[in-house]
Amino acid sequence: MVSIGGSLLSAVISFALVFIATNELGKEQAGVLLLAVALFNIVTRIALMGTATGLVRYISQARATDTGGDIPNLLRWALLPVALLGTVLAGLLLLFAPQLASLLANDADPAQLEQSLRIAAPFLPAAALMFALLGATRGFSKVRPTVMIDRIGRPVLQLVAVLVALAVGANAVGWTVAWLAPYVVAMVFAGIGLHQLRGQQASGGHSSELTRKSFWSFTRPQWGVDFLRVMVRWQDTLLIGILLGPGEAAIYSAVTRLVKLASMVNQSLVETVTPQISEALAQDDMPKAERLYQASTAWLVVGVFPVYLTSALYAGPLAAIFGEEFRAGATALVILSIGRLLGTATGPVEAVLTMSGRSGTNLGNQIGSLVVNIALTLILVPIIGLPGAALAWVASILVNNYAPFFQVRKATGLHPFGTATIRATIAVIIAFVVPAAILHAVTDPGLLLSLAGATVSGLIVLAWAWYNRQLLAIDQLLKRGKRGGKTTGENNGNHNNHEKNGKLEPQQTL
C-alpha cells in the first residue's frame, strides 16, 4: 500500500510539473525543457548499466540462500562502474551539447536547448547512482526507501524547485536546473538508506562462488534492456523534436504524461513483487511464483486500467488541460491508452522473464520493440503526425509484452490469468465504458463532466473490489499496510519466514 500510494503521489506531481511547465512556458519553451529531460533520462539509464536489476536479483538470492557474504562484493562491482560511467557520459554531454541541440530543435533556435543540456550534464552521475542504490535496497526486500526517496521525496523537491523557478521568472534553462537538481539530494538519502539497511540486516552467511563475471553476465544484458526500455519511452519525444520541432514534442510529451500516470503504479508494483518472484524461482517454487504473478496482475488491472480507460474515453477534455493547443494530441492519447491497456493485461511479465534468469532473451525483446517503434515513427510521423508516433509506440508495447508472455509460458508454464484477473478485467471495463457511453450519447462532455464520469466509474470499481475483497485479498493487503508495508518475514529479520507468515500469499506483498 505504501508503494502504490507513493507512486500515485509521484505520478500526480509529475503530471503537475508538466501542467505548470506547459501553461507557464508555452509549448515551445516547454518543448525545450521536455527534450532536455528526455535525453537526460536516456543517458542516465545508460550510466546505470542495468545494475539496479542485477542488485535486486543477486542480493535477494544471497539472502534467500544464506550467502550474504556476497553482498559487499556485489555492491562494489555495481556502484563504482556506475559512478565512473556517469561521469564520463556527463563530460560527453557537455562536449556535444551544441550538436545535440541543433539536431533536436529542428528549425527552432537551439540556444536554450544547448544551455539546458549543459545544465543537465552534472546531475547525470547522481541520478544513476541513486537508481543503483535504491535497487540494492529492494534486494533487501525493502521497497520503502524507493517509495520515500524516489516516489515522494524527489518529486516533492522538484515541485518546490519548479515553483521557485516560476516565482523568479526563470526560462526553460532555469526550469531544467529545478527539475534535475533534486537527484543529488535523492542520491545522498539513497546511500544513507542502504547503509542503514546493511546495519540492520547484517549480511551474514557464507560467500558463494559468485564472481564479478557471473554478476555481469546477467547484468550486462539487463543494461541493454534498461537502455532500450527508456529509449522506447522517450525516443519518440526526441524524434518528434527532430521531425516536427520542440512545440509538437511538447504536445506529445504532455498528453502522454496522462498515460504515464498509470505506469508509475505499474512500476511500483513490479518493484515490490520482483524480489519475491526471484526468491520463489531460486527455490524452484513454481506454485508460489504463479500466485505472485497472478495476484500482481489482478492488482494492476484494478489499479491501472481505470487510468487508461479514463484517458481513452475522455481524451479531448483531458488533453486540453495543458492548454487549448494541446487538444491536438487527443487522438494520440486515445491510441496510446488502448495500447497500454492491452500491454498491462500480461501483468509484470518482464519481471518474471528476467528473474528466471533470461535477461538475454529480454534484451532481444527490447531490441525488437525499439526497432519497431523507431521504424514506424519515422514512417508514420511525417505522414499523419502525432497519431503516427502513438501507433508506433503501441506496436512496440505489444512486442514488449506479448513476446515475453509466450516465452514465460513456454519456459515455466506460468501465466497471469487467474480468476481474480479475469473478473477484475471485466468489472473495470464495464464500470468505465457504460457511464462514458451514456455521457457521450447525451452531450459532448467537458472537463468537469469527464472527471465526474471517471469518478463515478472509479467508485464503482472500488465498491466491486471491496465486495470481492476475499478474491483480491484486500484484507491481507490492508493488514500489511498497518504493519508498515514490510514484506513477509521481515518482522523478525528471518528471511526464511516467507511461508510462515501467511504462506506468502502474493497479495500480501503488494
Protein backbone atom coordinates (compact mmCIF):
# COMPACT_ATOMS: atom_id res chain seq x y z
CA MET A 1 0.00 0.00 0.00
CA VAL A 2 2.83 2.39 0.84
CA SER A 3 4.48 1.65 -2.50
CA ILE A 4 1.32 2.22 -4.52
CA GLY A 5 0.45 5.34 -2.54
CA GLY A 6 3.92 6.75 -3.12
CA SER A 7 3.70 6.01 -6.83
CA LEU A 8 0.33 7.73 -7.06
CA LEU A 9 1.76 10.82 -5.38
CA SER A 10 4.77 10.75 -7.72
CA ALA A 11 2.53 10.41 -10.75
CA VAL A 12 0.34 13.31 -9.63
CA ILE A 13 3.37 15.54 -9.02
CA SER A 14 4.90 14.52 -12.35
CA PHE A 15 1.66 15.48 -14.05
CA ALA A 16 1.58 18.76 -12.12
CA LEU A 17 5.12 19.59 -13.22
CA VAL A 18 4.24 19.16 -16.89
CA PHE A 19 0.97 21.03 -16.40
CA ILE A 20 2.77 24.01 -14.84
CA ALA A 21 5.50 23.96 -17.49
CA THR A 22 3.14 23.88 -20.47
CA ASN A 23 0.85 26.55 -19.08
CA GLU A 24 3.60 28.91 -17.93
CA LEU A 25 6.32 28.40 -20.54
CA GLY A 26 4.18 27.79 -23.62
CA LYS A 27 4.67 24.85 -25.93
CA GLU A 28 7.98 25.98 -27.49
CA GLN A 29 9.91 26.57 -24.25
CA ALA A 30 8.16 23.64 -22.59
CA GLY A 31 9.39 21.60 -25.53
CA VAL A 32 12.97 22.68 -24.82
CA LEU A 33 12.61 21.59 -21.18
CA LEU A 34 10.97 18.25 -22.01
CA LEU A 35 13.52 17.43 -24.72
CA ALA A 36 16.33 18.03 -22.22
CA VAL A 37 14.57 15.83 -19.66
CA ALA A 38 14.02 13.09 -22.24
CA LEU A 39 17.69 12.99 -23.23
CA PHE A 40 18.73 13.13 -19.56
CA ASN A 41 16.60 10.09 -18.78
CA ILE A 42 18.05 8.10 -21.67
CA VAL A 43 21.68 8.87 -20.79
CA THR A 44 21.03 8.17 -17.09
CA ARG A 45 19.83 4.66 -17.93
CA ILE A 46 22.98 4.10 -19.97
CA ALA A 47 25.06 5.09 -16.95
CA LEU A 48 23.02 2.79 -14.68
CA MET A 49 24.32 -0.24 -16.62
CA GLY A 50 21.46 -2.50 -15.54
CA THR A 51 22.85 -2.65 -12.02
CA ALA A 52 19.56 -1.87 -10.25
CA THR A 53 18.01 -5.10 -11.55
CA GLY A 54 21.24 -7.04 -11.04
CA LEU A 55 21.45 -5.96 -7.40
CA VAL A 56 17.79 -6.83 -6.78
CA ARG A 57 18.29 -10.32 -8.17
CA TYR A 58 21.60 -11.23 -6.56
CA ILE A 59 21.10 -9.61 -3.15
CA SER A 60 17.64 -11.18 -2.76
CA GLN A 61 19.01 -14.57 -3.79
CA ALA A 62 22.00 -14.20 -1.47
CA ARG A 63 19.65 -13.62 1.44
CA ALA A 64 17.38 -16.49 0.39
CA THR A 65 20.28 -18.97 0.12
CA ASP A 66 22.28 -17.81 3.18
CA THR A 67 25.17 -16.48 1.08
CA GLY A 68 25.07 -12.94 2.42
CA GLY A 69 28.86 -12.77 2.28
CA ASP A 70 28.46 -11.98 -1.43
CA ILE A 71 26.66 -8.69 -0.78
CA PRO A 72 29.73 -6.42 -0.19
CA ASN A 73 31.27 -7.67 -3.44
CA LEU A 74 28.00 -7.12 -5.31
CA LEU A 75 27.82 -3.51 -4.16
CA ARG A 76 31.43 -2.86 -5.11
CA TRP A 77 31.06 -4.49 -8.54
CA ALA A 78 27.98 -2.40 -9.31
CA LEU A 79 28.39 1.06 -7.79
CA LEU A 80 31.92 2.00 -8.85
CA PRO A 81 31.35 1.39 -12.59
CA VAL A 82 28.10 3.36 -12.44
CA ALA A 83 29.85 6.35 -10.88
CA LEU A 84 32.67 6.23 -13.42
CA LEU A 85 30.47 5.82 -16.50
CA GLY A 86 28.08 8.51 -15.27
CA THR A 87 30.97 10.95 -15.01
CA VAL A 88 32.24 10.09 -18.49
CA LEU A 89 28.78 10.49 -20.05
CA ALA A 90 28.30 13.82 -18.29
CA GLY A 91 31.51 15.04 -19.89
CA LEU A 92 30.40 13.86 -23.33
CA LEU A 93 27.04 15.60 -22.94
CA LEU A 94 28.82 18.83 -22.11
CA LEU A 95 31.11 18.41 -25.10
CA PHE A 96 28.44 17.59 -27.67
CA ALA A 97 25.61 19.76 -26.37
CA PRO A 98 25.73 22.16 -29.38
CA GLN A 99 25.42 19.36 -31.93
CA LEU A 100 22.65 17.59 -30.00
CA ALA A 101 20.70 20.82 -29.55
CA SER A 102 20.88 21.61 -33.27
CA LEU A 103 19.65 18.12 -34.12
CA LEU A 104 16.74 18.10 -31.67
CA ALA A 105 15.50 21.66 -32.24
CA ASN A 106 14.54 21.17 -35.91
CA ASP A 107 14.14 24.71 -37.30
CA ALA A 108 13.83 26.38 -33.88
CA ASP A 109 16.61 28.32 -32.15
CA PRO A 110 18.80 25.68 -30.41
CA ALA A 111 20.49 28.11 -27.98
CA GLN A 112 18.26 27.44 -24.96
CA LEU A 113 18.24 23.69 -25.56
CA GLU A 114 22.04 23.71 -25.69
CA GLN A 115 22.17 25.53 -22.35
CA SER A 116 19.64 23.13 -20.85
CA LEU A 117 21.70 20.12 -21.94
CA ARG A 118 24.86 21.61 -20.45
CA ILE A 119 22.99 22.25 -17.21
CA ALA A 120 21.69 18.67 -17.14
CA ALA A 121 25.10 17.02 -17.54
CA PRO A 122 26.48 17.40 -13.96
CA PHE A 123 23.40 15.72 -12.49
CA LEU A 124 23.84 12.51 -14.50
CA PRO A 125 26.16 10.58 -12.13
CA ALA A 126 23.97 11.40 -9.13
CA ALA A 127 20.81 10.17 -10.87
CA ALA A 128 22.42 6.91 -12.00
CA LEU A 129 23.85 6.22 -8.54
CA MET A 130 20.50 6.94 -6.92
CA PHE A 131 18.78 4.28 -9.02
CA ALA A 132 21.55 1.75 -8.35
CA LEU A 133 21.49 2.36 -4.58
CA LEU A 134 17.72 2.02 -4.44
CA GLY A 135 17.94 -1.20 -6.44
CA ALA A 136 20.22 -2.55 -3.72
CA THR A 137 17.69 -1.65 -1.01
CA ARG A 138 15.00 -3.54 -2.90
CA GLY A 139 17.31 -6.52 -2.91
CA PHE A 140 16.91 -6.46 0.88
CA SER A 141 13.12 -6.76 0.27
CA LYS A 142 12.66 -3.13 1.31
CA VAL A 143 10.57 -1.01 -1.02
CA ARG A 144 10.14 1.82 1.48
CA PRO A 145 13.43 3.60 0.59
CA THR A 146 12.43 3.66 -3.09
CA VAL A 147 9.00 4.98 -2.19
CA MET A 148 10.15 7.62 0.28
CA ILE A 149 13.12 8.83 -1.76
CA ASP A 150 12.26 8.37 -5.44
CA ARG A 151 8.46 8.40 -5.34
CA ILE A 152 7.87 11.06 -2.70
CA GLY A 153 10.99 12.99 -1.69
CA ARG A 154 12.46 13.72 -5.11
CA PRO A 155 9.15 14.69 -6.80
CA VAL A 156 8.22 16.97 -3.89
CA LEU A 157 11.62 18.68 -4.12
CA GLN A 158 11.15 19.04 -7.89
CA LEU A 159 7.77 20.65 -7.41
CA VAL A 160 9.12 23.10 -4.83
CA ALA A 161 12.10 23.95 -7.05
CA VAL A 162 9.89 24.47 -10.11
CA LEU A 163 7.59 26.76 -8.15
CA VAL A 164 10.64 28.79 -7.14
CA ALA A 165 11.72 28.94 -10.79
CA LEU A 166 8.22 30.11 -11.67
CA ALA A 167 8.27 32.76 -8.95
CA VAL A 168 11.58 34.25 -10.15
CA GLY A 169 10.52 34.17 -13.81
CA ALA A 170 13.13 31.66 -14.95
CA ASN A 171 13.20 30.45 -18.55
CA ALA A 172 13.47 26.82 -19.73
CA VAL A 173 17.14 26.67 -18.67
CA GLY A 174 16.31 27.63 -15.09
CA TRP A 175 13.47 25.13 -15.04
CA THR A 176 15.92 22.42 -16.12
CA VAL A 177 18.04 23.11 -13.03
CA ALA A 178 14.96 22.97 -10.82
CA TRP A 179 13.81 19.72 -12.43
CA LEU A 180 17.12 17.84 -12.12
CA ALA A 181 18.93 19.16 -9.03
CA PRO A 182 16.78 17.07 -6.61
CA TYR A 183 18.51 13.94 -7.94
CA VAL A 184 21.61 14.92 -5.94
CA VAL A 185 19.65 15.09 -2.68
CA ALA A 186 17.91 11.80 -3.52
CA MET A 187 21.25 10.09 -4.16
CA VAL A 188 22.55 11.12 -0.73
CA PHE A 189 19.48 9.78 1.05
CA ALA A 190 19.56 6.57 -1.01
CA GLY A 191 23.13 5.98 0.18
CA ILE A 192 22.10 6.62 3.78
CA GLY A 193 19.15 4.25 3.41
CA LEU A 194 21.32 1.43 2.07
CA HIS A 195 23.88 1.96 4.82
CA GLN A 196 21.16 1.71 7.47
CA LEU A 197 19.74 -1.45 5.91
CA ARG A 198 23.13 -3.13 5.90
CA GLY A 199 23.49 -2.25 9.56
CA GLN A 200 20.05 -3.56 10.48
CA GLN A 201 20.31 -6.71 8.38
CA ALA A 202 23.88 -7.89 8.67
CA SER A 203 24.91 -9.75 5.55
CA GLY A 204 25.73 -12.91 7.48
CA GLY A 205 26.07 -16.29 5.84
CA HIS A 206 28.95 -17.53 3.79
CA SER A 207 30.22 -16.46 0.40
CA SER A 208 29.27 -18.47 -2.65
CA GLU A 209 31.25 -18.99 -5.84
CA LEU A 210 29.60 -15.94 -7.40
CA THR A 211 32.13 -13.92 -9.38
CA ARG A 212 32.23 -10.49 -10.95
CA LYS A 213 31.96 -12.23 -14.34
CA SER A 214 28.79 -14.06 -13.25
CA PHE A 215 27.23 -10.86 -11.96
CA TRP A 216 27.91 -9.00 -15.19
CA SER A 217 26.89 -11.93 -17.39
CA PHE A 218 23.37 -11.36 -16.05
CA THR A 219 23.55 -7.59 -15.61
CA ARG A 220 25.09 -6.72 -18.96
CA PRO A 221 22.06 -7.86 -20.99
CA GLN A 222 19.85 -6.06 -18.47
CA TRP A 223 21.89 -2.94 -19.20
CA GLY A 224 20.77 -3.24 -22.79
CA VAL A 225 17.20 -3.91 -21.66
CA ASP A 226 17.12 -0.79 -19.47
CA PHE A 227 18.56 1.34 -22.25
CA LEU A 228 16.11 0.01 -24.81
CA ARG A 229 13.18 0.36 -22.43
CA VAL A 230 13.93 4.01 -21.74
CA MET A 231 14.52 4.58 -25.44
CA VAL A 232 11.08 3.17 -26.20
CA ARG A 233 9.65 5.53 -23.59
CA TRP A 234 11.46 8.70 -24.65
CA GLN A 235 12.82 8.33 -28.19
CA ASP A 236 9.51 9.31 -29.77
CA THR A 237 9.68 12.67 -28.00
CA LEU A 238 13.20 13.16 -29.37
CA LEU A 239 12.24 12.02 -32.87
CA ILE A 240 9.22 14.33 -32.89
CA GLY A 241 11.55 17.18 -31.91
CA ILE A 242 13.82 16.27 -34.82
CA LEU A 243 10.97 15.82 -37.33
CA LEU A 244 8.43 18.44 -36.20
CA GLY A 245 10.15 20.72 -33.67
CA PRO A 246 10.01 21.37 -29.88
CA GLY A 247 6.40 22.60 -29.95
CA GLU A 248 4.99 19.32 -31.30
CA ALA A 249 7.34 17.40 -28.99
CA ALA A 250 5.82 19.32 -26.07
CA ILE A 251 2.26 18.41 -27.11
CA TYR A 252 3.12 14.73 -27.45
CA SER A 253 5.12 14.58 -24.22
CA ALA A 254 2.37 16.37 -22.30
CA VAL A 255 -0.56 14.22 -23.43
CA THR A 256 1.40 11.01 -22.97
CA ARG A 257 2.06 12.12 -19.41
CA LEU A 258 -1.58 11.25 -18.72
CA VAL A 259 -0.86 7.67 -19.77
CA LYS A 260 2.33 7.61 -17.72
CA LEU A 261 0.32 8.36 -14.58
CA ALA A 262 -0.60 4.69 -14.51
CA SER A 263 2.88 3.48 -15.39
CA MET A 264 4.15 4.72 -12.01
CA VAL A 265 1.72 2.43 -10.21
CA ASN A 266 2.72 -0.36 -12.57
CA GLN A 267 6.39 0.22 -11.82
CA SER A 268 5.90 0.30 -8.05
CA LEU A 269 4.06 -2.99 -8.09
CA VAL A 270 6.71 -4.62 -10.25
CA GLU A 271 9.49 -3.34 -7.98
CA THR A 272 7.66 -4.74 -4.96
CA VAL A 273 7.00 -8.18 -6.36
CA THR A 274 10.24 -8.70 -8.35
CA PRO A 275 12.50 -9.75 -5.40
CA GLN A 276 9.90 -12.23 -4.20
CA ILE A 277 9.43 -13.73 -7.67
CA SER A 278 13.22 -14.04 -7.80
CA GLU A 279 13.27 -15.86 -4.46
CA ALA A 280 10.44 -18.21 -5.49
CA LEU A 281 12.19 -19.08 -8.75
CA ALA A 282 15.53 -19.53 -6.96
CA GLN A 283 13.83 -22.05 -4.65
CA ASP A 284 12.10 -23.68 -7.67
CA ASP A 285 8.73 -22.94 -6.05
CA MET A 286 6.60 -22.54 -9.17
CA PRO A 287 3.19 -22.52 -7.42
CA LYS A 288 4.34 -19.61 -5.26
CA ALA A 289 5.76 -17.79 -8.30
CA GLU A 290 2.48 -18.21 -10.17
CA ARG A 291 0.46 -16.93 -7.20
CA LEU A 292 2.67 -13.84 -7.15
CA TYR A 293 2.34 -13.39 -10.90
CA GLN A 294 -1.43 -13.73 -10.99
CA ALA A 295 -2.10 -11.64 -7.89
CA SER A 296 0.08 -8.77 -9.08
CA THR A 297 -1.68 -8.86 -12.47
CA ALA A 298 -5.10 -8.61 -10.81
CA TRP A 299 -3.96 -5.61 -8.81
CA LEU A 300 -2.55 -3.99 -11.93
CA VAL A 301 -5.94 -4.34 -13.57
CA VAL A 302 -7.74 -2.74 -10.61
CA GLY A 303 -5.14 0.00 -10.11
CA VAL A 304 -4.05 0.82 -13.66
CA PHE A 305 -6.88 0.04 -16.08
CA PRO A 306 -9.02 2.91 -14.68
CA VAL A 307 -6.39 5.47 -15.69
CA TYR A 308 -6.04 4.12 -19.22
CA LEU A 309 -9.79 3.89 -19.69
CA THR A 310 -10.29 7.43 -18.40
CA SER A 311 -7.67 8.88 -20.76
CA ALA A 312 -9.11 6.94 -23.71
CA LEU A 313 -12.78 7.75 -23.07
CA TYR A 314 -12.29 11.44 -22.20
CA ALA A 315 -9.17 12.24 -24.26
CA GLY A 316 -10.20 15.63 -25.67
CA PRO A 317 -11.01 17.46 -22.42
CA LEU A 318 -8.02 15.90 -20.66
CA ALA A 319 -5.54 16.90 -23.37
CA ALA A 320 -6.85 20.48 -23.22
CA ILE A 321 -5.79 20.69 -19.55
CA PHE A 322 -2.32 21.67 -20.78
CA GLY A 323 -3.73 24.43 -22.98
CA GLU A 324 -6.20 24.51 -25.86
CA GLU A 325 -3.46 23.97 -28.44
CA PHE A 326 -2.62 20.68 -26.74
CA ARG A 327 -6.04 19.27 -27.72
CA ALA A 328 -4.28 18.34 -30.98
CA GLY A 329 -2.80 15.41 -29.07
CA ALA A 330 -6.17 13.85 -28.16
CA THR A 331 -6.14 11.20 -30.90
CA ALA A 332 -2.64 10.13 -29.94
CA LEU A 333 -3.80 9.87 -26.33
CA VAL A 334 -6.67 7.52 -27.25
CA ILE A 335 -4.35 5.26 -29.25
CA LEU A 336 -1.72 5.13 -26.50
CA SER A 337 -4.27 4.45 -23.78
CA ILE A 338 -5.70 1.44 -25.60
CA GLY A 339 -2.22 0.13 -26.33
CA ARG A 340 -1.12 0.48 -22.72
CA LEU A 341 -4.26 -1.28 -21.55
CA LEU A 342 -3.58 -4.24 -23.81
CA GLY A 343 0.02 -4.38 -22.62
CA THR A 344 -0.91 -4.28 -18.93
CA ALA A 345 -3.13 -7.37 -19.35
CA THR A 346 0.01 -9.54 -19.34
CA GLY A 347 0.96 -8.36 -15.84
CA PRO A 348 4.60 -7.97 -14.70
CA VAL A 349 5.68 -10.49 -17.33
CA GLU A 350 9.04 -8.85 -17.98
CA ALA A 351 9.98 -9.18 -14.31
CA VAL A 352 9.06 -12.88 -14.38
CA LEU A 353 11.16 -13.44 -17.50
CA THR A 354 14.15 -11.55 -16.11
CA MET A 355 14.09 -13.09 -12.65
CA SER A 356 14.01 -16.55 -14.21
CA GLY A 357 17.50 -15.74 -15.50
CA ARG A 358 16.53 -14.93 -19.10
CA SER A 359 17.91 -11.41 -19.26
CA GLY A 360 19.41 -12.15 -22.68
CA THR A 361 16.00 -13.13 -24.04
CA ASN A 362 14.53 -9.97 -22.57
CA LEU A 363 17.24 -7.96 -24.29
CA GLY A 364 16.19 -9.44 -27.63
CA ASN A 365 12.58 -8.47 -26.92
CA GLN A 366 13.61 -4.92 -26.12
CA ILE A 367 15.67 -4.65 -29.31
CA GLY A 368 12.71 -5.81 -31.36
CA SER A 369 10.41 -3.38 -29.56
CA LEU A 370 12.71 -0.42 -30.16
CA VAL A 371 13.30 -1.28 -33.82
CA VAL A 372 9.55 -1.47 -34.40
CA ASN A 373 9.00 1.84 -32.58
CA ILE A 374 11.69 3.81 -34.39
CA ALA A 375 10.87 2.39 -37.82
CA LEU A 376 7.16 3.09 -37.54
CA THR A 377 7.77 6.54 -36.02
CA LEU A 378 10.00 7.54 -38.94
CA ILE A 379 7.44 6.19 -41.42
CA LEU A 380 4.19 7.40 -39.83
CA VAL A 381 5.01 10.75 -38.17
CA PRO A 382 5.83 12.58 -41.45
CA ILE A 383 2.54 11.25 -42.87
CA ILE A 384 -0.02 11.57 -40.03
CA GLY A 385 1.87 13.46 -37.31
CA LEU A 386 1.40 12.69 -33.61
CA PRO A 387 -1.06 9.77 -34.08
CA GLY A 388 1.69 8.06 -36.07
CA ALA A 389 4.03 8.27 -33.09
CA ALA A 390 1.29 6.83 -30.88
CA LEU A 391 0.68 3.91 -33.24
CA ALA A 392 4.41 3.21 -33.30
CA TRP A 393 4.53 3.16 -29.51
CA VAL A 394 1.53 0.81 -29.30
CA ALA A 395 3.20 -1.61 -31.71
CA SER A 396 6.33 -1.60 -29.56
CA ILE A 397 4.24 -2.13 -26.40
CA LEU A 398 2.64 -5.23 -27.90
CA VAL A 399 6.02 -6.64 -28.91
CA ASN A 400 7.50 -5.83 -25.50
CA ASN A 401 4.68 -7.50 -23.54
CA TYR A 402 3.44 -10.41 -25.62
CA ALA A 403 6.82 -11.78 -26.72
CA PRO A 404 7.87 -12.38 -23.07
CA PHE A 405 4.35 -13.62 -22.28
CA PHE A 406 4.74 -16.53 -24.71
CA GLN A 407 8.38 -17.07 -23.66
CA VAL A 408 7.49 -17.29 -19.97
CA ARG A 409 4.57 -19.57 -20.71
CA LYS A 410 6.77 -21.94 -22.74
CA ALA A 411 9.74 -21.92 -20.34
CA THR A 412 7.99 -22.04 -16.96
CA GLY A 413 4.31 -22.71 -17.55
CA LEU A 414 3.40 -19.57 -15.58
CA HIS A 415 0.57 -17.31 -16.74
CA PRO A 416 -1.18 -14.21 -15.32
CA PHE A 417 -4.82 -15.11 -15.98
CA GLY A 418 -6.18 -16.26 -12.66
CA THR A 419 -9.82 -15.96 -11.63
CA ALA A 420 -9.23 -12.62 -9.91
CA THR A 421 -7.55 -11.18 -13.02
CA ILE A 422 -10.36 -12.18 -15.38
CA ARG A 423 -13.17 -10.96 -13.11
CA ALA A 424 -11.38 -7.69 -12.37
CA THR A 425 -10.83 -7.02 -16.08
CA ILE A 426 -14.50 -7.49 -16.91
CA ALA A 427 -15.68 -5.42 -13.95
CA VAL A 428 -13.35 -2.47 -14.59
CA ILE A 429 -14.12 -2.25 -18.30
CA ILE A 430 -17.89 -2.33 -17.72
CA ALA A 431 -17.63 0.23 -14.90
CA PHE A 432 -15.89 2.76 -17.17
CA VAL A 433 -17.36 2.10 -20.61
CA VAL A 434 -21.05 2.20 -19.63
CA PRO A 435 -21.05 5.63 -17.86
CA ALA A 436 -18.84 7.09 -20.61
CA ALA A 437 -21.17 5.79 -23.33
CA ILE A 438 -24.14 7.38 -21.57
CA LEU A 439 -22.33 10.72 -21.18
CA HIS A 440 -21.22 10.83 -24.83
CA ALA A 441 -24.73 9.87 -26.00
CA VAL A 442 -26.29 12.74 -24.06
CA THR A 443 -23.72 15.51 -24.57
CA ASP A 444 -20.17 16.38 -25.54
CA PRO A 445 -18.62 16.25 -22.06
CA GLY A 446 -16.25 18.97 -20.99
CA LEU A 447 -13.57 18.60 -18.35
CA LEU A 448 -15.88 18.70 -15.32
CA LEU A 449 -18.35 16.17 -16.73
CA SER A 450 -15.48 13.95 -17.82
CA LEU A 451 -13.95 14.00 -14.35
CA ALA A 452 -17.38 13.35 -12.85
CA GLY A 453 -17.92 10.36 -15.13
CA ALA A 454 -14.48 8.96 -14.31
CA THR A 455 -15.12 9.48 -10.59
CA VAL A 456 -18.40 7.56 -10.74
CA SER A 457 -16.65 4.73 -12.59
CA GLY A 458 -13.83 4.72 -10.07
CA LEU A 459 -16.27 4.47 -7.18
CA ILE A 460 -17.99 1.54 -8.88
CA VAL A 461 -14.62 -0.22 -9.20
CA LEU A 462 -13.82 0.47 -5.54
CA ALA A 463 -17.19 -0.92 -4.47
CA TRP A 464 -16.68 -4.01 -6.61
CA ALA A 465 -13.17 -4.52 -5.26
CA TRP A 466 -14.37 -4.23 -1.67
CA TYR A 467 -17.25 -6.64 -2.27
CA ASN A 468 -14.71 -9.07 -3.76
CA ARG A 469 -12.05 -8.35 -1.16
CA GLN A 470 -11.55 -12.04 -0.37
CA LEU A 471 -10.94 -12.84 -4.02
CA LEU A 472 -8.48 -9.93 -4.22
CA ALA A 473 -7.10 -10.47 -0.68
CA ILE A 474 -7.78 -6.83 0.25
CA ASP A 475 -7.99 -7.63 3.97
CA GLN A 476 -4.48 -9.11 3.91
CA LEU A 477 -3.23 -6.14 1.94
CA LEU A 478 -4.64 -3.67 4.47
CA LYS A 479 -3.16 -5.66 7.35
CA ARG A 480 0.26 -5.45 5.72
CA GLY A 481 -0.18 -1.70 5.34
CA LYS A 482 -0.86 -1.41 9.08
CA ARG A 483 2.35 -3.33 9.77
CA GLY A 484 4.29 -0.70 7.86
CA GLY A 485 4.46 -2.37 4.47
CA LYS A 486 7.06 -4.95 5.42
CA THR A 487 7.43 -7.96 3.26
CA THR A 488 6.68 -11.30 4.76
CA GLY A 489 9.40 -12.49 7.05
CA GLU A 490 10.91 -9.09 7.76
CA ASN A 491 9.30 -8.63 11.14
CA ASN A 492 11.79 -10.89 12.86
CA GLY A 493 14.64 -10.44 10.43
CA ASN A 494 14.48 -14.07 9.32
CA HIS A 495 14.43 -14.22 5.56
CA ASN A 496 13.16 -17.78 5.60
CA ASN A 497 9.86 -16.92 7.25
CA HIS A 498 8.13 -16.18 3.98
CA GLU A 499 5.99 -19.29 4.13
CA LYS A 500 5.28 -18.96 7.82
CA ASN A 501 3.50 -15.62 7.87
CA GLY A 502 0.53 -16.23 5.65
CA LYS A 503 2.13 -18.60 3.11
CA LEU A 504 3.46 -15.59 1.27
CA GLU A 505 0.14 -15.11 -0.43
CA PRO A 506 1.20 -12.73 -3.16
CA GLN A 507 -1.47 -10.18 -2.41
CA GLN A 508 0.16 -9.64 0.96
CA THR A 509 3.36 -8.45 -0.64
CA LEU A 510 1.87 -5.69 -2.76
